């Protein structure tokens, strides 16, 4: 994604924030890589964002780690990252981050995940708001990983798991 395209999207988001809009959403498709994700994560204009959709990009685990640690995204409720290049290290970054407490929906279909990544999520004490997790079309995700999520004492609100 070109820097100019990201700037336009962020300018729009800033206008929404200045108008006092709630539940701001941002969708970027087709060119977000780890460097672009880092720029997004560092931008203070994302403070009102509740929904971030970055499916169909080139985002990897380093980019997801930057998003997971971003103080600008603490209000984020929906994170959609299907069809990227995210592996278990990206899930471990989400699991380690204490900034994702508001996250209710995490969509990771068609990435490079395995049971080890799901087991890391199952141990994340701060993801108690998570209600929906999509890990569909992951050849390395089995019933073992999905069962770890279902048995997690920290994911009591998780009622929908797709995949496995």
Protein backbone atom coordinates (compact mmCIF):
# COMPACT_ATOMS: atom_id res chain seq x y z
CA UNK A 1 0.00 0.00 0.00
CA UNK A 2 1.31 3.38 -0.93
CA UNK A 3 2.05 5.85 1.84
CA UNK A 4 -0.35 8.30 0.17
CA UNK A 5 -3.23 5.80 0.35
CA UNK A 6 -2.61 5.25 4.05
CA UNK A 7 -2.43 9.00 4.61
CA UNK A 8 -5.79 9.49 2.87
CA UNK A 9 -7.38 6.77 4.99
CA UNK A 10 -5.93 8.26 8.17
CA UNK A 11 -7.06 11.75 7.20
CA UNK A 12 -10.58 10.41 6.82
CA UNK A 13 -10.29 8.74 10.21
CA UNK A 14 -9.09 12.01 11.76
CA UNK A 15 -12.13 13.80 10.33
CA UNK A 16 -14.42 11.19 11.86
CA UNK A 17 -12.67 11.60 15.20
CA UNK A 18 -12.99 15.39 15.11
CA UNK A 19 -16.72 15.07 14.48
CA UNK A 20 -16.99 12.97 17.60
CA UNK A 21 -17.89 9.85 15.66
CA UNK A 22 -18.06 6.65 17.65
CA UNK A 23 -17.11 3.23 16.51
CA UNK A 24 -14.82 4.39 13.72
CA UNK A 25 -13.92 1.69 11.20
CA UNK A 26 -11.00 1.40 8.82
CA UNK A 27 -10.57 -1.10 5.98
CA UNK A 28 -7.41 -1.28 3.88
CA UNK A 29 -7.00 -3.99 1.23
CA UNK A 30 -4.26 -5.05 -1.09
CA UNK A 31 -0.97 -3.63 0.06
CA UNK A 32 -0.58 -3.44 3.82
CA UNK A 33 2.69 -5.10 4.78
CA UNK A 34 4.57 -5.11 8.08
CA UNK A 35 6.06 -1.64 7.51
CA UNK A 36 2.64 -0.15 6.72
CA UNK A 37 1.15 -1.84 9.79
CA UNK A 38 3.87 -0.28 11.92
CA UNK A 39 3.03 3.17 10.51
CA UNK A 40 -0.63 2.58 11.27
CA UNK A 41 0.13 1.36 14.80
CA UNK A 42 2.16 4.50 15.53
CA UNK A 43 -0.44 6.95 14.25
CA UNK A 44 -2.38 8.72 17.05
CA UNK A 45 -5.38 9.24 14.75
CA UNK A 46 -6.36 5.62 15.32
CA UNK A 47 -7.48 6.39 18.88
CA UNK A 48 -11.21 6.20 18.06
CA UNK A 49 -10.92 3.09 15.95
CA UNK A 50 -13.09 0.18 17.06
CA UNK A 51 -12.91 -1.90 13.88
CA UNK A 52 -9.81 -2.52 11.76
CA UNK A 53 -10.06 -4.70 8.66
CA UNK A 54 -6.78 -5.57 6.98
CA UNK A 55 -7.74 -8.73 5.12
CA UNK A 56 -6.22 -9.63 1.75
CA UNK A 57 -2.87 -7.95 2.39
CA UNK A 58 0.77 -8.92 2.92
CA UNK A 59 0.75 -8.47 6.68
CA UNK A 60 3.02 -10.75 8.65
CA UNK A 61 3.63 -11.45 12.30
CA UNK A 62 5.87 -8.41 12.82
CA UNK A 63 3.08 -6.17 11.58
CA UNK A 64 0.56 -7.89 13.83
CA UNK A 65 2.94 -7.49 16.77
CA UNK A 66 3.09 -3.73 16.11
CA UNK A 67 -0.70 -3.53 16.01
CA UNK A 68 -1.03 -5.66 19.16
CA UNK A 69 1.24 -3.32 21.13
CA UNK A 70 -0.22 -0.08 19.82
CA UNK A 71 -1.67 2.17 22.53
CA UNK A 72 -3.73 3.84 19.78
CA UNK A 73 -5.74 0.65 19.28
CA UNK A 74 -6.81 -0.04 22.87
CA UNK A 75 -10.50 0.51 21.96
CA UNK A 76 -10.35 -2.00 19.11
CA UNK A 77 -13.25 -4.48 19.20
CA UNK A 78 -12.93 -6.08 15.75
CA UNK A 79 -9.67 -7.07 14.08
CA UNK A 80 -9.98 -8.78 10.71
CA UNK A 81 -6.76 -10.15 9.21
CA UNK A 82 -7.84 -12.97 6.89
CA UNK A 83 -5.62 -13.99 3.99
CA UNK A 84 -2.35 -12.51 5.17
CA UNK A 85 1.00 -14.04 6.15
CA UNK A 86 0.51 -14.28 9.90
CA UNK A 87 1.99 -17.24 11.74
CA UNK A 88 2.03 -18.41 15.35
CA UNK A 89 4.48 -15.68 16.36
CA UNK A 90 1.80 -13.13 15.50
CA UNK A 91 -0.70 -14.90 17.76
CA UNK A 92 1.89 -15.00 20.53
CA UNK A 93 2.25 -11.21 20.18
CA UNK A 94 -1.52 -10.80 20.61
CA UNK A 95 -1.43 -13.17 23.58
CA UNK A 96 1.39 -11.18 25.24
CA UNK A 97 -0.17 -7.78 24.66
CA UNK A 98 -2.19 -6.37 27.53
CA UNK A 99 -3.64 -3.70 25.20
CA UNK A 100 -6.24 -5.94 23.57
CA UNK A 101 -8.71 -6.17 26.46
CA UNK A 102 -11.63 -4.75 24.44
CA UNK A 103 -11.19 -7.17 21.52
CA UNK A 104 -14.40 -9.10 20.83
CA UNK A 105 -13.82 -10.47 17.34
CA UNK A 106 -10.59 -11.74 15.79
CA UNK A 107 -10.67 -13.02 12.21
CA UNK A 108 -7.54 -14.85 11.08
CA UNK A 109 -8.80 -17.24 8.40
CA UNK A 110 -6.36 -18.36 5.71
CA UNK A 111 -3.07 -17.51 7.39
CA UNK A 112 -0.18 -19.72 8.56
CA UNK A 113 -1.39 -20.72 12.03
CA UNK A 114 -1.08 -23.94 14.01
CA UNK A 115 -2.24 -25.39 17.31
CA UNK A 116 0.73 -23.75 19.07
CA UNK A 117 -0.62 -20.27 18.24
CA UNK A 118 -4.10 -21.16 19.49
CA UNK A 119 -2.64 -22.58 22.69
CA UNK A 120 -0.85 -19.25 23.25
CA UNK A 121 -4.16 -17.41 22.84
CA UNK A 122 -5.79 -19.82 25.30
CA UNK A 123 -3.27 -18.70 27.96
CA UNK A 124 -3.93 -14.96 27.42
CA UNK A 125 -5.55 -13.67 30.60
CA UNK A 126 -6.49 -10.28 29.09
CA UNK A 127 -8.61 -11.57 26.16
CA UNK A 128 -11.70 -12.17 28.27
CA UNK A 129 -13.88 -10.04 25.96
CA UNK A 130 -13.18 -12.23 22.93
CA UNK A 131 -16.46 -13.70 21.63
CA UNK A 132 -15.57 -14.78 18.09
CA UNK A 133 -12.40 -16.28 16.62
CA UNK A 134 -12.02 -17.32 13.00
CA UNK A 135 -9.08 -19.63 12.30
CA UNK A 136 -10.63 -21.32 9.27
CA UNK A 137 -8.62 -22.78 6.41
CA UNK A 138 -5.48 -23.40 8.46
CA UNK A 139 -4.09 -26.85 7.61
CA UNK A 140 -2.01 -26.93 10.81
CA UNK A 141 -4.94 -26.16 13.15
CA UNK A 142 -6.52 -29.30 14.55
CA UNK A 143 -9.12 -30.18 17.15
CA UNK A 144 -6.33 -29.98 19.78
CA UNK A 145 -5.88 -26.23 19.27
CA UNK A 146 -9.61 -25.54 19.21
CA UNK A 147 -10.07 -27.59 22.37
CA UNK A 148 -7.37 -25.54 24.13
CA UNK A 149 -9.44 -22.44 23.38
CA UNK A 150 -12.64 -24.01 24.63
CA UNK A 151 -11.01 -25.13 27.89
CA UNK A 152 -9.32 -21.81 28.57
CA UNK A 153 -10.30 -20.27 31.90
CA UNK A 154 -9.60 -16.84 30.38
CA UNK A 155 -11.85 -17.06 27.32
CA UNK A 156 -15.22 -17.54 28.99
CA UNK A 157 -17.06 -15.31 26.50
CA UNK A 158 -15.68 -17.11 23.45
CA UNK A 159 -18.79 -18.68 21.95
CA UNK A 160 -17.84 -18.97 18.28
CA UNK A 161 -14.69 -20.60 16.93
CA UNK A 162 -14.56 -21.18 13.20
CA UNK A 163 -11.98 -23.65 11.91
CA UNK A 164 -9.94 -26.48 13.27
